[in-house]
């Protein structure tokens, strides 16, 4: 019984913490207000939230989010988790995974 009560309490706290991400209808907005929205080739949209003072990037997909950490780059700034890499240089960005470009020729939406 105690484990069940603890689980309910943890779930309630987690939902409260995420409440700002949900609209009144319960739907998740497209992106948080402090995210950078990039317009990319083929009409794609890449949403990235830079966190930890720019040391990490949170890539926001409609179905999931994932974190990439900054690593040394020859030029620009590079974030990776070992499989997926975000490379930014100036105002342009490219996201690749497993050697394939998923989002290319991206620039911040105005």
Protein backbone atom coordinates (compact mmCIF):
# COMPACT_ATOMS: atom_id res chain seq x y z
CA UNK A 1 0.00 0.00 0.00
CA UNK A 2 2.82 2.41 0.86
CA UNK A 3 4.54 1.83 -2.52
CA UNK A 4 1.27 2.61 -4.31
CA UNK A 5 0.80 5.84 -2.35
CA UNK A 6 4.38 6.85 -3.11
CA UNK A 7 3.86 6.15 -6.82
CA UNK A 8 0.71 8.27 -6.90
CA UNK A 9 2.52 11.10 -5.10
CA UNK A 10 5.45 10.99 -7.55
CA UNK A 11 3.09 11.00 -10.54
CA UNK A 12 1.18 13.98 -9.11
CA UNK A 13 4.38 15.96 -8.58
CA UNK A 14 5.59 15.13 -12.09
CA UNK A 15 2.31 16.27 -13.63
CA UNK A 16 2.37 19.50 -11.63
CA UNK A 17 5.91 20.21 -12.81
CA UNK A 18 4.84 19.76 -16.42
CA UNK A 19 1.63 21.77 -16.10
CA UNK A 20 3.14 24.83 -17.79
CA UNK A 21 3.74 22.70 -20.91
CA UNK A 22 0.06 21.91 -21.30
CA UNK A 23 -2.69 24.17 -22.57
CA UNK A 24 -6.15 24.31 -21.02
CA UNK A 25 -7.30 21.65 -23.48
CA UNK A 26 -4.56 19.32 -22.19
CA UNK A 27 -2.59 19.37 -25.41
CA UNK A 28 1.13 19.99 -25.35
CA UNK A 29 2.11 23.20 -27.13
CA UNK A 30 4.43 22.93 -30.08
CA UNK A 31 7.41 24.24 -28.12
CA UNK A 32 8.33 26.07 -24.92
CA UNK A 33 8.64 29.88 -25.14
CA UNK A 34 12.43 29.87 -24.63
CA UNK A 35 13.09 27.39 -27.47
CA UNK A 36 14.73 28.26 -30.77
CA UNK A 37 12.61 27.27 -33.74
CA UNK A 38 14.54 26.62 -36.94
CA UNK A 39 13.02 26.48 -40.42
CA UNK A 40 14.82 23.83 -42.44
CA UNK A 41 14.93 22.45 -45.96
CA UNK A 42 11.92 20.49 -47.23
CA UNK A 43 9.63 22.66 -45.05
CA UNK A 44 10.76 20.94 -41.85
CA UNK A 45 10.82 22.63 -38.45
CA UNK A 46 13.48 21.88 -35.82
CA UNK A 47 12.86 22.98 -32.23
CA UNK A 48 15.83 23.25 -29.86
CA UNK A 49 16.03 24.55 -26.33
CA UNK A 50 19.54 25.46 -25.20
CA UNK A 51 20.02 24.63 -21.52
CA UNK A 52 22.75 24.74 -18.87
CA UNK A 53 24.07 28.02 -20.21
CA UNK A 54 24.41 26.59 -23.72
CA UNK A 55 26.37 23.53 -22.59
CA UNK A 56 23.50 21.27 -23.67
CA UNK A 57 20.71 21.30 -26.22
CA UNK A 58 17.29 19.75 -25.81
CA UNK A 59 15.88 18.69 -29.18
CA UNK A 60 12.09 18.75 -29.05
CA UNK A 61 10.14 16.43 -31.32
CA UNK A 62 6.33 16.23 -31.08
CA UNK A 63 6.56 12.69 -29.65
CA UNK A 64 9.75 12.97 -27.54
CA UNK A 65 12.57 15.19 -26.36
CA UNK A 66 16.23 14.29 -26.02
CA UNK A 67 19.35 15.96 -24.69
CA UNK A 68 22.62 16.51 -26.53
CA UNK A 69 25.76 17.70 -24.73
CA UNK A 70 28.30 20.12 -26.15
CA UNK A 71 31.58 18.64 -27.40
CA UNK A 72 34.62 20.23 -29.05
CA UNK A 73 34.06 21.30 -32.66
CA UNK A 74 36.45 22.40 -35.41
CA UNK A 75 34.12 25.33 -36.06
CA UNK A 76 30.79 26.41 -34.63
CA UNK A 77 29.21 24.50 -31.77
CA UNK A 78 28.55 20.77 -31.74
CA UNK A 79 26.17 18.85 -29.44
CA UNK A 80 25.89 15.06 -29.42
CA UNK A 81 24.73 12.02 -27.48
CA UNK A 82 26.92 9.65 -29.49
CA UNK A 83 24.24 8.87 -32.07
CA UNK A 84 22.57 12.18 -32.87
CA UNK A 85 24.53 15.38 -33.52
CA UNK A 86 23.42 19.00 -33.73
CA UNK A 87 25.93 21.33 -35.33
CA UNK A 88 25.38 25.07 -35.24
CA UNK A 89 27.51 27.71 -36.89
CA UNK A 90 26.41 31.32 -36.78
CA UNK A 91 22.66 31.16 -37.28
CA UNK A 92 22.59 27.89 -39.23
CA UNK A 93 21.98 24.43 -37.78
CA UNK A 94 22.06 20.83 -38.97
CA UNK A 95 20.79 17.75 -37.12
CA UNK A 96 22.07 14.34 -38.15
CA UNK A 97 21.57 10.86 -36.81
CA UNK A 98 23.51 7.77 -37.71
CA UNK A 99 25.31 9.63 -40.51
CA UNK A 100 22.09 10.86 -42.15
CA UNK A 101 20.98 14.48 -42.15
CA UNK A 102 17.50 14.70 -40.63
CA UNK A 103 17.25 18.50 -40.64
CA UNK A 104 19.49 20.48 -42.99
CA UNK A 105 19.94 24.10 -43.99
CA UNK A 106 18.16 25.29 -40.85
CA UNK A 107 17.93 28.95 -39.87
CA UNK A 108 16.03 30.55 -36.99
CA UNK A 109 12.41 31.30 -37.76
CA UNK A 110 11.60 35.00 -37.57
